[in-house]
PDB file of N, CA and C in Angstrom:
ATOM      1  N   MET A   1       7.415  -3.644  11.181  1.00  0.00           N
ATOM      2  CA  MET A   1       6.638  -4.184  10.725  1.00  0.00           C
ATOM      3  C   MET A   1       5.610  -3.410   9.616  1.00  0.00           C
ATOM      4  N   ILE A   2       5.265  -3.261   8.079  1.00  0.00           N
ATOM      5  CA  ILE A   2       4.166  -2.861   7.496  1.00  0.00           C
ATOM      6  C   ILE A   2       2.808  -3.151   7.697  1.00  0.00           C
ATOM      7  N   SER A   3       1.688  -2.025   7.801  1.00  0.00           N
ATOM      8  CA  SER A   3       0.426  -3.043   8.043  1.00  0.00           C
ATOM      9  C   SER A   3       0.109  -3.655   6.474  1.00  0.00           C
ATOM     10  N   LYS A   4      -0.888  -4.696   6.406  1.00  0.00           N
ATOM     11  CA  LYS A   4      -1.427  -5.120   5.579  1.00  0.00           C
ATOM     12  C   LYS A   4      -1.978  -4.269   4.725  1.00  0.00           C
ATOM     13  N   MET A   5      -2.937  -3.525   5.365  1.00  0.00           N
ATOM     14  CA  MET A   5      -3.577  -2.290   4.588  1.00  0.00           C
ATOM     15  C   MET A   5      -2.485  -1.642   3.396  1.00  0.00           C
ATOM     16  N   THR A   6      -1.568  -1.368   4.053  1.00  0.00           N
ATOM     17  CA  THR A   6      -0.681  -0.190   3.575  1.00  0.00           C
ATOM     18  C   THR A   6       0.076  -0.841   2.386  1.00  0.00           C
ATOM     19  N   ALA A   7       0.410  -2.270   3.199  1.00  0.00           N
ATOM     20  CA  ALA A   7       1.114  -3.131   1.754  1.00  0.00           C
ATOM     21  C   ALA A   7       0.095  -3.575   0.593  1.00  0.00           C
ATOM     22  N   TYR A   8      -1.244  -3.774   0.723  1.00  0.00           N
ATOM     23  CA  TYR A   8      -1.904  -3.959   0.170  1.00  0.00           C
ATOM     24  C   TYR A   8      -2.762  -2.538  -0.960  1.00  0.00           C
ATOM     25  N   GLU A   9      -1.914  -1.611  -0.285  1.00  0.00           N
ATOM     26  CA  GLU A   9      -2.363  -0.058  -1.114  1.00  0.00           C
ATOM     27  C   GLU A   9      -1.405  -0.086  -1.955  1.00  0.00           C
ATOM     28  N   ILE A  10      -0.347  -0.194  -1.828  1.00  0.00           N
ATOM     29  CA  ILE A  10       0.935  -0.185  -2.809  1.00  0.00           C
ATOM     30  C   ILE A  10       0.680  -1.153  -3.963  1.00  0.00           C
ATOM     31  N   PHE A  11       0.588  -2.428  -3.392  1.00  0.00           N
ATOM     32  CA  PHE A  11       0.463  -3.192  -4.581  1.00  0.00           C
ATOM     33  C   PHE A  11      -0.804  -2.997  -5.400  1.00  0.00           C
ATOM     34  N   ARG A  12      -1.605  -2.375  -5.091  1.00  0.00           N
ATOM     35  CA  ARG A  12      -2.936  -1.822  -5.906  1.00  0.00           C
ATOM     36  C   ARG A  12      -2.203  -0.874  -6.593  1.00  0.00           C
ATOM     37  N   CYS A  13      -1.767   0.102  -5.857  1.00  0.00           N
ATOM     38  CA  CYS A  13      -1.336   1.697  -7.035  1.00  0.00           C
ATOM     39  C   CYS A  13      -0.258   0.847  -8.237  1.00  0.00           C
ATOM     40  N   TRP A  14       0.684   0.166  -7.579  1.00  0.00           N
ATOM     41  CA  TRP A  14       1.687  -0.386  -8.660  1.00  0.00           C
ATOM     42  C   TRP A  14       0.933  -1.543  -9.852  1.00  0.00           C
ATOM     43  N   SER A  15      -0.165  -2.089  -9.555  1.00  0.00           N
ATOM     44  CA  SER A  15      -0.937  -2.626 -10.649  1.00  0.00           C
ATOM     45  C   SER A  15      -1.678  -1.729 -11.283  1.00  0.00           C
ATOM     46  N   GLU A  16      -1.905  -0.874 -11.067  1.00  0.00           N
ATOM     47  CA  GLU A  16      -2.814   0.496 -11.801  1.00  0.00           C
ATOM     48  C   GLU A  16      -1.578   1.299 -12.619  1.00  0.00           C
ATOM     49  N   ILE A  17      -0.405   1.366 -12.403  1.00  0.00           N
ATOM     50  CA  ILE A  17       0.866   1.718 -13.294  1.00  0.00           C
ATOM     51  C   ILE A  17       1.096   1.191 -14.205  1.00  0.00           C
ATOM     52  N   GLU A  18       0.994  -0.221 -13.414  1.00  0.00           N
ATOM     53  CA  GLU A  18       1.566  -1.434 -14.708  1.00  0.00           C
ATOM     54  C   GLU A  18       0.528  -1.525 -15.959  1.00  0.00           C
ATOM     55  N   ASN A  19      -1.155  -1.307 -15.664  1.00  0.00           N
ATOM     56  CA  ASN A  19      -1.837  -1.367 -16.260  1.00  0.00           C
ATOM     57  C   ASN A  19      -1.831  -0.300 -17.136  1.00  0.00           C
ATOM     58  N   THR A  20      -1.588   1.050 -16.797  1.00  0.00           N
ATOM     59  CA  THR A  20      -2.093   2.296 -17.281  1.00  0.00           C
ATOM     60  C   THR A  20      -0.791   2.036 -18.493  1.00  0.00           C
ATOM     61  N   ARG A  21       0.526   2.021 -18.106  1.00  0.00           N
ATOM     62  CA  ARG A  21       1.361   1.619 -19.007  1.00  0.00           C
ATOM     63  C   ARG A  21       1.584   1.019 -20.302  1.00  0.00           C
ATOM     64  N   LYS A  22       0.679  -0.346 -19.707  1.00  0.00           N
ATOM     65  CA  LYS A  22       0.318  -1.132 -20.362  1.00  0.00           C
ATOM     66  C   LYS A  22      -0.949  -0.882 -21.991  1.00  0.00           C
ATOM     67  N   LEU A  23      -1.635  -0.104 -21.202  1.00  0.00           N
ATOM     68  CA  LEU A  23      -3.049   0.290 -22.030  1.00  0.00           C
ATOM     69  C   LEU A  23      -2.313   1.794 -23.394  1.00  0.00           C
ATOM     70  N   LYS A  24      -1.370   2.647 -22.006  1.00  0.00           N
ATOM     71  CA  LYS A  24      -0.223   3.094 -23.452  1.00  0.00           C
ATOM     72  C   LYS A  24       0.141   2.967 -24.361  1.00  0.00           C
ATOM     73  N   GLU A  25       0.808   1.384 -24.037  1.00  0.00           N
ATOM     74  CA  GLU A  25       1.926   1.203 -25.119  1.00  0.00           C
ATOM     75  C   GLU A  25       1.023   0.445 -26.186  1.00  0.00           C
ATOM     76  N   ASP A  26       0.095  -0.004 -26.044  1.00  0.00           N
ATOM     77  CA  ASP A  26      -1.178  -0.190 -26.708  1.00  0.00           C
ATOM     78  C   ASP A  26      -1.796   0.410 -27.690  1.00  0.00           C
ATOM     79  N   LEU A  27      -1.550   1.950 -26.867  1.00  0.00           N
ATOM     80  CA  LEU A  27      -2.412   2.759 -27.556  1.00  0.00           C
ATOM     81  C   LEU A  27      -1.391   3.236 -28.724  1.00  0.00           C
ATOM     82  N   GLU A  28       0.011   3.545 -28.328  1.00  0.00           N
ATOM     83  CA  GLU A  28       1.208   3.843 -29.446  1.00  0.00           C
ATOM     84  C   GLU A  28       1.286   2.817 -30.014  1.00  0.00           C
ATOM     85  N   GLY A  29       0.923   1.315 -29.986  1.00  0.00           N
ATOM     86  CA  GLY A  29       1.619   0.391 -31.025  1.00  0.00           C
ATOM     87  C   GLY A  29       0.359   0.151 -31.680  1.00  0.00           C
ATOM     88  N   MET A  30      -0.700   0.895 -32.127  1.00  0.00           N
ATOM     89  CA  MET A  30      -1.481   0.793 -33.091  1.00  0.00           C
ATOM     90  C   MET A  30      -1.539   1.472 -33.943  1.00  0.00           C
ATOM     91  N   THR A  31      -0.357   0.517 -35.141  1.00  0.00           N
ATOM     92  CA  THR A  31       0.008   1.717 -36.378  1.00  0.00           C
ATOM     93  C   THR A  31      -0.353   0.194 -37.483  1.00  0.00           C
ATOM     94  N   ARG A  32      -0.413   0.563 -38.371  1.00  0.00           N
ATOM     95  CA  ARG A  32      -0.653  -0.834 -39.293  1.00  0.00           C
ATOM     96  C   ARG A  32       0.464  -0.981 -39.930  1.00  0.00           C
ATOM     97  N   SER A  33       0.325  -2.124 -40.865  1.00  0.00           N
ATOM     98  CA  SER A  33       1.944  -2.784 -40.916  1.00  0.00           C
ATOM     99  C   SER A  33       2.421  -1.704 -41.942  1.00  0.00           C
ATOM    100  N   GLY A  34       3.373  -1.512 -42.124  1.00  0.00           N
ATOM    101  CA  GLY A  34       3.971  -0.580 -43.125  1.00  0.00           C
ATOM    102  C   GLY A  34       4.143   1.212 -42.876  1.00  0.00           C
ATOM    103  N   GLY A  35       3.666   0.936 -41.661  1.00  0.00           N
ATOM    104  CA  GLY A  35       3.207   2.902 -41.053  1.00  0.00           C
ATOM    105  C   GLY A  35       2.260   3.336 -41.652  1.00  0.00           C
ATOM    106  N   ARG A  36       1.274   2.721 -41.884  1.00  0.00           N
ATOM    107  CA  ARG A  36       0.511   3.856 -43.256  1.00  0.00           C
ATOM    108  C   ARG A  36      -0.939   4.515 -42.456  1.00  0.00           C
ATOM    109  N   GLY A  37      -0.503   4.504 -41.039  1.00  0.00           N
ATOM    110  CA  GLY A  37      -1.448   5.455 -40.339  1.00  0.00           C
ATOM    111  C   GLY A  37      -1.589   4.886 -39.187  1.00  0.00           C
ATOM    112  N   PRO A  38      -3.033   4.931 -38.659  1.00  0.00           N
ATOM    113  CA  PRO A  38      -2.864   4.521 -36.927  1.00  0.00           C
ATOM    114  C   PRO A  38      -4.273   3.270 -37.146  1.00  0.00           C
ATOM    115  N   GLN A  39      -3.919   2.259 -37.181  1.00  0.00           N
ATOM    116  CA  GLN A  39      -5.193   1.284 -36.585  1.00  0.00           C
ATOM    117  C   GLN A  39      -5.862   0.817 -35.536  1.00  0.00           C
ATOM    118  N   TYR A  40      -7.161   1.017 -35.568  1.00  0.00           N
ATOM    119  CA  TYR A  40      -7.531   0.945 -33.943  1.00  0.00           C
ATOM    120  C   TYR A  40      -8.165  -0.529 -33.875  1.00  0.00           C
ATOM    121  N   PRO A  41      -8.350  -0.329 -32.188  1.00  0.00           N
ATOM    122  CA  PRO A  41      -8.433  -2.072 -32.381  1.00  0.00           C
ATOM    123  C   PRO A  41     -10.239  -2.341 -32.941  1.00  0.00           C
ATOM    124  N   LEU A  42     -10.818  -3.610 -32.931  1.00  0.00           N
ATOM    125  CA  LEU A  42     -11.570  -4.059 -33.281  1.00  0.00           C
ATOM    126  C   LEU A  42     -12.761  -4.154 -32.004  1.00  0.00           C
ATOM    127  N   ASP A  43     -13.572  -4.112 -32.315  1.00  0.00           N
ATOM    128  CA  ASP A  43     -15.033  -4.449 -31.276  1.00  0.00           C
ATOM    129  C   ASP A  43     -15.376  -6.028 -31.819  1.00  0.00           C
ATOM    130  N   THR A  44     -15.977  -6.841 -30.848  1.00  0.00           N
ATOM    131  CA  THR A  44     -16.872  -8.127 -31.090  1.00  0.00           C
ATOM    132  C   THR A  44     -17.029  -8.613 -32.282  1.00  0.00           C
ATOM    133  N   TRP A  45     -17.906  -7.733 -33.373  1.00  0.00           N
ATOM    134  CA  TRP A  45     -18.246  -8.276 -34.780  1.00  0.00           C
ATOM    135  C   TRP A  45     -17.303  -7.975 -35.823  1.00  0.00           C
ATOM    136  N   GLY A  46     -15.557  -7.528 -35.216  1.00  0.00           N
ATOM    137  CA  GLY A  46     -14.960  -7.108 -36.202  1.00  0.00           C
ATOM    138  C   GLY A  46     -15.043  -5.476 -36.956  1.00  0.00           C
ATOM    139  N   VAL A  47     -15.773  -4.830 -36.068  1.00  0.00           N
ATOM    140  CA  VAL A  47     -15.897  -3.240 -36.639  1.00  0.00           C
ATOM    141  C   VAL A  47     -14.816  -2.728 -35.959  1.00  0.00           C
ATOM    142  N   VAL A  48     -13.812  -1.476 -36.512  1.00  0.00           N
ATOM    143  CA  VAL A  48     -13.346  -0.610 -36.195  1.00  0.00           C
ATOM    144  C   VAL A  48     -13.687   0.346 -35.194  1.00  0.00           C
ATOM    145  N   GLN A  49     -12.996   0.252 -33.877  1.00  0.00           N
ATOM    146  CA  GLN A  49     -13.694   1.321 -32.748  1.00  0.00           C
ATOM    147  C   GLN A  49     -12.546   2.174 -32.822  1.00  0.00           C
ATOM    148  N   THR A  50     -13.089   3.645 -33.501  1.00  0.00           N
ATOM    149  CA  THR A  50     -12.334   5.121 -33.260  1.00  0.00           C
ATOM    150  C   THR A  50     -12.375   5.628 -32.228  1.00  0.00           C
ATOM    151  N   ASN A  51     -12.849   5.089 -31.114  1.00  0.00           N
ATOM    152  CA  ASN A  51     -13.512   5.886 -30.255  1.00  0.00           C
ATOM    153  C   ASN A  51     -12.795   5.014 -28.629  1.00  0.00           C
ATOM    154  N   PHE A  52     -13.192   5.359 -27.826  1.00  0.00           N
ATOM    155  CA  PHE A  52     -12.714   4.485 -26.511  1.00  0.00           C
ATOM    156  C   PHE A  52     -13.881   4.731 -25.593  1.00  0.00           C
ATOM    157  N   GLU A  53     -14.013   3.953 -24.768  1.00  0.00           N
ATOM    158  CA  GLU A  53     -15.066   3.547 -23.715  1.00  0.00           C
ATOM    159  C   GLU A  53     -14.650   3.829 -22.111  1.00  0.00           C
ATOM    160  N   PHE A  54     -15.396   4.684 -21.300  1.00  0.00           N
ATOM    161  CA  PHE A  54     -14.653   4.760 -20.071  1.00  0.00           C
ATOM    162  C   PHE A  54     -15.840   4.175 -19.470  1.00  0.00           C
ATOM    163  N   GLY A  55     -15.612   4.023 -17.609  1.00  0.00           N
ATOM    164  CA  GLY A  55     -17.365   4.138 -17.324  1.00  0.00           C
ATOM    165  C   GLY A  55     -17.008   3.240 -15.832  1.00  0.00           C
ATOM    166  N   VAL A  56     -18.008   3.646 -15.129  1.00  0.00           N
ATOM    167  CA  VAL A  56     -18.172   3.306 -13.625  1.00  0.00           C
ATOM    168  C   VAL A  56     -18.582   1.870 -13.568  1.00  0.00           C
ATOM    169  N   PRO A  57     -18.439   0.826 -12.838  1.00  0.00           N
ATOM    170  CA  PRO A  57     -18.608  -0.380 -13.171  1.00  0.00           C
ATOM    171  C   PRO A  57     -20.459  -0.416 -13.345  1.00  0.00           C
ATOM    172  N   ASN A  58     -20.949  -1.641 -13.830  1.00  0.00           N
ATOM    173  CA  ASN A  58     -22.263  -2.094 -13.965  1.00  0.00           C
ATOM    174  C   ASN A  58     -23.194  -1.770 -12.881  1.00  0.00           C
ATOM    175  N   GLY A  59     -24.189  -1.726 -13.253  1.00  0.00           N
ATOM    176  CA  GLY A  59     -24.871  -2.243 -11.450  1.00  0.00           C
ATOM    177  C   GLY A  59     -26.188  -0.928 -11.595  1.00  0.00           C
ATOM    178  N   GLU A  60     -26.530  -1.185 -10.603  1.00  0.00           N
ATOM    179  CA  GLU A  60     -27.805   0.210 -10.322  1.00  0.00           C
ATOM    180  C   GLU A  60     -27.207   1.957 -10.678  1.00  0.00           C
ATOM    181  N   ASN A  61     -26.092   2.038 -10.249  1.00  0.00           N
ATOM    182  CA  ASN A  61     -25.100   3.064 -10.604  1.00  0.00           C
ATOM    183  C   ASN A  61     -24.224   3.338 -11.559  1.00  0.00           C
ATOM    184  N   GLY A  62     -24.173   2.222 -12.360  1.00  0.00           N
ATOM    185  CA  GLY A  62     -22.977   2.152 -13.395  1.00  0.00           C
ATOM    186  C   GLY A  62     -23.465   2.994 -14.381  1.00  0.00           C
ATOM    187  N   HIS A  63     -22.154   3.976 -14.852  1.00  0.00           N
ATOM    188  CA  HIS A  63     -22.220   4.933 -16.189  1.00  0.00           C
ATOM    189  C   HIS A  63     -21.378   4.376 -16.883  1.00  0.00           C
ATOM    190  N   ARG A  64     -21.454   5.099 -18.158  1.00  0.00           N
ATOM    191  CA  ARG A  64     -20.443   4.670 -19.337  1.00  0.00           C
ATOM    192  C   ARG A  64     -20.701   5.585 -19.807  1.00  0.00           C
ATOM    193  N   LEU A  65     -19.571   6.260 -20.855  1.00  0.00           N
ATOM    194  CA  LEU A  65     -19.488   6.803 -21.919  1.00  0.00           C
ATOM    195  C   LEU A  65     -18.855   6.046 -22.806  1.00  0.00           C
ATOM    196  N   PHE A  66     -19.435   5.986 -24.019  1.00  0.00           N
ATOM    197  CA  PHE A  66     -19.146   5.084 -25.072  1.00  0.00           C
ATOM    198  C   PHE A  66     -18.426   6.231 -26.200  1.00  0.00           C
ATOM    199  N   ARG A  67     -17.926   7.029 -26.001  1.00  0.00           N
ATOM    200  CA  ARG A  67     -17.811   7.667 -27.260  1.00  0.00           C
ATOM    201  C   ARG A  67     -16.714   8.844 -27.099  1.00  0.00           C
ATOM    202  N   VAL A  68     -15.474   8.352 -26.165  1.00  0.00           N
ATOM    203  CA  VAL A  68     -14.322   8.915 -25.898  1.00  0.00           C
ATOM    204  C   VAL A  68     -13.733   9.155 -27.135  1.00  0.00           C
ATOM    205  N   SER A  69     -13.148  10.599 -27.369  1.00  0.00           N
ATOM    206  CA  SER A  69     -12.184  10.754 -28.256  1.00  0.00           C
ATOM    207  C   SER A  69     -10.823  10.117 -28.309  1.00  0.00           C
ATOM    208  N   LYS A  70     -10.591   9.665 -29.382  1.00  0.00           N
ATOM    209  CA  LYS A  70      -8.829   8.868 -29.122  1.00  0.00           C
ATOM    210  C   LYS A  70      -7.842   9.580 -28.400  1.00  0.00           C
ATOM    211  N   THR A  71      -8.114  11.236 -29.169  1.00  0.00           N
ATOM    212  CA  THR A  71      -6.979  12.503 -28.586  1.00  0.00           C
ATOM    213  C   THR A  71      -7.244  12.492 -27.099  1.00  0.00           C
ATOM    214  N   LEU A  72      -8.277  12.114 -26.245  1.00  0.00           N
ATOM    215  CA  LEU A  72      -8.321  12.049 -25.017  1.00  0.00           C
ATOM    216  C   LEU A  72      -7.694  11.317 -23.839  1.00  0.00           C
ATOM    217  N   ALA A  73      -8.043   9.698 -24.702  1.00  0.00           N
ATOM    218  CA  ALA A  73      -6.946   8.518 -24.024  1.00  0.00           C
ATOM    219  C   ALA A  73      -5.770   8.780 -23.323  1.00  0.00           C
ATOM    220  N   PRO A  74      -4.877   9.439 -24.045  1.00  0.00           N
ATOM    221  CA  PRO A  74      -3.947   9.117 -23.781  1.00  0.00           C
ATOM    222  C   PRO A  74      -3.604  10.385 -22.811  1.00  0.00           C
ATOM    223  N   ALA A  75      -3.993  11.727 -22.737  1.00  0.00           N
ATOM    224  CA  ALA A  75      -3.895  12.627 -21.748  1.00  0.00           C
ATOM    225  C   ALA A  75      -4.931  11.779 -20.406  1.00  0.00           C
ATOM    226  N   ILE A  76      -5.509  11.211 -20.553  1.00  0.00           N
ATOM    227  CA  ILE A  76      -6.514  10.349 -19.278  1.00  0.00           C
ATOM    228  C   ILE A  76      -5.896   9.329 -18.411  1.00  0.00           C
ATOM    229  N   LEU A  77      -4.959   9.040 -19.799  1.00  0.00           N
ATOM    230  CA  LEU A  77      -4.333   7.786 -19.291  1.00  0.00           C
ATOM    231  C   LEU A  77      -2.895   8.464 -18.367  1.00  0.00           C
ATOM    232  N   ALA A  78      -2.502   9.123 -19.015  1.00  0.00           N
ATOM    233  CA  ALA A  78      -1.173   9.974 -18.256  1.00  0.00           C
ATOM    234  C   ALA A  78      -1.872  10.581 -16.559  1.00  0.00           C
ATOM    235  N   ALA A  79      -2.475  11.191 -16.827  1.00  0.00           N
ATOM    236  CA  ALA A  79      -3.396  12.058 -15.438  1.00  0.00           C
ATOM    237  C   ALA A  79      -3.690  10.963 -14.487  1.00  0.00           C
ATOM    238  N   HIS A  80      -4.130   9.378 -14.939  1.00  0.00           N
ATOM    239  CA  HIS A  80      -4.337   8.670 -14.096  1.00  0.00           C
ATOM    240  C   HIS A  80      -2.872   7.580 -13.162  1.00  0.00           C
ATOM    241  N   GLU A  81      -1.806   7.794 -14.321  1.00  0.00           N
ATOM    242  CA  GLU A  81      -0.784   7.405 -14.000  1.00  0.00           C
ATOM    243  C   GLU A  81      -0.061   8.335 -13.104  1.00  0.00           C
ATOM    244  N   GLY A  82       0.017   9.579 -13.357  1.00  0.00           N
ATOM    245  CA  GLY A  82       0.335  10.512 -11.992  1.00  0.00           C
ATOM    246  C   GLY A  82      -0.384  10.773 -10.815  1.00  0.00           C
ATOM    247  N   GLU A  83      -1.545  10.276 -10.735  1.00  0.00           N
ATOM    248  CA  GLU A  83      -2.091  10.159  -9.674  1.00  0.00           C
ATOM    249  C   GLU A  83      -1.837   9.039  -8.848  1.00  0.00           C
ATOM    250  N   MET A  84      -1.495   7.882  -9.559  1.00  0.00           N
ATOM    251  CA  MET A  84      -1.350   6.670  -8.646  1.00  0.00           C
ATOM    252  C   MET A  84       0.481   7.035  -8.626  1.00  0.00           C
ATOM    253  N   HIS A  85       1.167   7.337  -9.144  1.00  0.00           N
ATOM    254  CA  HIS A  85       2.646   7.998  -8.557  1.00  0.00           C
ATOM    255  C   HIS A  85       2.462   8.817  -7.051  1.00  0.00           C
ATOM    256  N   ALA A  86       1.563   9.838  -6.977  1.00  0.00           N
ATOM    257  CA  ALA A  86       1.217  10.380  -5.811  1.00  0.00           C
ATOM    258  C   ALA A  86       0.907   9.693  -4.806  1.00  0.00           C
ATOM    259  N   LYS A  87      -0.357   8.397  -4.893  1.00  0.00           N
ATOM    260  CA  LYS A  87      -0.749   8.223  -3.835  1.00  0.00           C
ATOM    261  C   LYS A  87       0.436   7.227  -4.042  1.00  0.00           C
ATOM    262  N   LEU A  88       1.190   7.073  -4.183  1.00  0.00           N
ATOM    263  CA  LEU A  88       2.409   5.786  -4.323  1.00  0.00           C
ATOM    264  C   LEU A  88       3.521   6.125  -3.346  1.00  0.00           C
ATOM    265  N   VAL A  89       3.610   7.338  -3.189  1.00  0.00           N
ATOM    266  CA  VAL A  89       4.850   8.052  -2.467  1.00  0.00           C
ATOM    267  C   VAL A  89       4.188   8.809  -1.177  1.00  0.00           C
ATOM    268  N   ALA A  90       3.156   8.790  -1.045  1.00  0.00           N
ATOM    269  CA  ALA A  90       2.326   8.905   0.350  1.00  0.00           C
ATOM    270  C   ALA A  90       2.383   7.517   0.951  1.00  0.00           C
ATOM    271  N   LEU A  91       1.959   6.496   0.303  1.00  0.00           N
ATOM    272  CA  LEU A  91       1.847   5.406   0.663  1.00  0.00           C
ATOM    273  C   LEU A  91       3.293   4.840   1.607  1.00  0.00           C
ATOM    274  N   CYS A  92       4.522   4.575   0.660  1.00  0.00           N
ATOM    275  CA  CYS A  92       6.058   4.979   0.865  1.00  0.00           C
ATOM    276  C   CYS A  92       6.353   5.612   2.154  1.00  0.00           C
ATOM    277  N   GLU A  93       5.639   6.712   2.330  1.00  0.00           N
ATOM    278  CA  GLU A  93       6.007   7.427   3.339  1.00  0.00           C
ATOM    279  C   GLU A  93       5.652   6.745   4.738  1.00  0.00           C
ATOM    280  N   ALA A  94       4.083   6.395   4.250  1.00  0.00           N
ATOM    281  CA  ALA A  94       3.388   5.917   5.490  1.00  0.00           C
ATOM    282  C   ALA A  94       4.073   4.199   6.152  1.00  0.00           C
ATOM    283  N   ALA A  95       4.781   3.640   4.809  1.00  0.00           N
ATOM    284  CA  ALA A  95       4.972   2.242   5.363  1.00  0.00           C
ATOM    285  C   ALA A  95       6.666   2.958   5.880  1.00  0.00           C
ATOM    286  N   GLY A  96       7.326   3.923   5.664  1.00  0.00           N
ATOM    287  CA  GLY A  96       8.574   4.153   6.406  1.00  0.00           C
ATOM    288  C   GLY A  96       8.037   4.736   7.610  1.00  0.00           C
ATOM    289  N   LEU A  97       6.921   5.285   8.339  1.00  0.00           N
ATOM    290  CA  LEU A  97       6.695   5.600   9.775  1.00  0.00           C
ATOM    291  C   LEU A  97       6.064   4.031  10.344  1.00  0.00           C
ATOM    292  N   GLU A  98       5.664   3.155   9.827  1.00  0.00           N
ATOM    293  CA  GLU A  98       5.386   2.005  10.340  1.00  0.00           C
ATOM    294  C   GLU A  98       6.897   1.306  10.212  1.00  0.00           C
ATOM    295  N   LEU A  99       7.102   1.051   9.512  1.00  0.00           N
ATOM    296  CA  LEU A  99       9.098   0.451   9.771  1.00  0.00           C
ATOM    297  C   LEU A  99       9.677   0.934  10.546  1.00  0.00           C
ATOM    298  N   SER A 100       9.703   2.490  11.010  1.00  0.00           N
ATOM    299  CA  SER A 100      10.413   3.102  11.909  1.00  0.00           C
ATOM    300  C   SER A 100       9.660   3.071  13.132  1.00  0.00           C
ATOM    301  N   GLY A 101       8.813   2.520  13.740  1.00  0.00           N
ATOM    302  CA  GLY A 101       8.238   1.988  14.796  1.00  0.00           C
ATOM    303  C   GLY A 101       7.516   3.765  15.308  1.00  0.00           C
ATOM    304  N   ALA A 102       7.331   4.431  14.298  1.00  0.00           N
ATOM    305  CA  ALA A 102       6.445   5.662  14.749  1.00  0.00           C
ATOM    306  C   ALA A 102       5.061   5.948  14.715  1.00  0.00           C
ATOM    307  N   VAL A 103       4.522   4.893  14.230  1.00  0.00           N
ATOM    308  CA  VAL A 103       3.286   3.991  13.831  1.00  0.00           C
ATOM    309  C   VAL A 103       3.272   2.846  14.347  1.00  0.00           C
ATOM    310  N   ALA A 104       2.720   2.409  15.469  1.00  0.00           N
ATOM    311  CA  ALA A 104       2.456   1.046  15.711  1.00  0.00           C
ATOM    312  C   ALA A 104       1.594   0.317  14.551  1.00  0.00           C
ATOM    313  N   VAL A 105       1.936  -0.799  14.404  1.00  0.00           N
ATOM    314  CA  VAL A 105       1.561  -2.021  13.796  1.00  0.00           C
ATOM    315  C   VAL A 105       0.963  -3.236  14.564  1.00  0.00           C
ATOM    316  N   ASP A 106      -0.509  -3.857  14.901  1.00  0.00           N
ATOM    317  CA  ASP A 106      -0.054  -4.769  15.758  1.00  0.00           C
ATOM    318  C   ASP A 106       0.564  -6.244  14.991  1.00  0.00           C
ATOM    319  N   SER A 107       1.370  -6.999  15.526  1.00  0.00           N
ATOM    320  CA  SER A 107       1.673  -7.882  15.074  1.00  0.00           C
ATOM    321  C   SER A 107       1.014  -9.378  14.684  1.00  0.00           C
ATOM    322  N   GLU A 108      -0.215  -9.655  15.396  1.00  0.00           N
ATOM    323  CA  GLU A 108      -0.897 -10.305  14.974  1.00  0.00           C
ATOM    324  C   GLU A 108      -2.099 -10.188  14.391  1.00  0.00           C
ATOM    325  N   THR A 109      -2.721  -9.184  13.728  1.00  0.00           N
ATOM    326  CA  THR A 109      -3.718  -8.845  12.730  1.00  0.00           C
ATOM    327  C   THR A 109      -2.783  -7.901  11.836  1.00  0.00           C
ATOM    328  N   GLY A 110      -1.709  -7.073  11.616  1.00  0.00           N
ATOM    329  CA  GLY A 110      -1.199  -6.859  10.566  1.00  0.00           C
ATOM    330  C   GLY A 110      -1.906  -5.311  10.739  1.00  0.00           C
ATOM    331  N   CYS A 111      -2.415  -5.378  11.287  1.00  0.00           N
ATOM    332  CA  CYS A 111      -3.535  -3.579  11.254  1.00  0.00           C
ATOM    333  C   CYS A 111      -2.478  -2.457  11.912  1.00  0.00           C
ATOM    334  N   VAL A 112      -2.877  -1.463  11.746  1.00  0.00           N
ATOM    335  CA  VAL A 112      -2.248  -0.027  12.458  1.00  0.00           C
ATOM    336  C   VAL A 112      -2.984  -0.397  13.511  1.00  0.00           C
ATOM    337  N   ALA A 113      -2.294  -0.210  15.026  1.00  0.00           N
ATOM    338  CA  ALA A 113      -2.423  -0.675  15.966  1.00  0.00           C
ATOM    339  C   ALA A 113      -3.551   1.014  16.588  1.00  0.00           C
ATOM    340  N   GLU A 114      -4.223   0.737  17.193  1.00  0.00           N
ATOM    341  CA  GLU A 114      -5.229   1.855  18.109  1.00  0.00           C
ATOM    342  C   GLU A 114      -4.420   2.774  18.682  1.00  0.00           C
ATOM    343  N   THR A 115      -4.508   3.993  18.599  1.00  0.00           N
ATOM    344  CA  THR A 115      -3.775   4.625  19.875  1.00  0.00           C
ATOM    345  C   THR A 115      -4.683   5.333  21.034  1.00  0.00           C
TER     346      THR A 115
END
């Protein structure tokens, strides 16, 4: 059996990969009708946004960058997708160990058993 935590982390990695791919598709698809050049998203007030925003969630320790260049966004997304793939490979190896019985999983809690 695979532990709940391993299964959850695998799910989170796949979700991040899917979201990253969707963002990359959205960035690549931003072209004006007739192929006259790039079209950028509009903000809430209908103003064209040529830069992107990245940040740590709001709160006391929240931080944001509001003017991340459109040329950096694809590189950041590619790096994030690569990182999630690497984590997914490690999680799949851990799941294989759990399935093989090399790592004990408590059948009641679904957690890796204490040894």
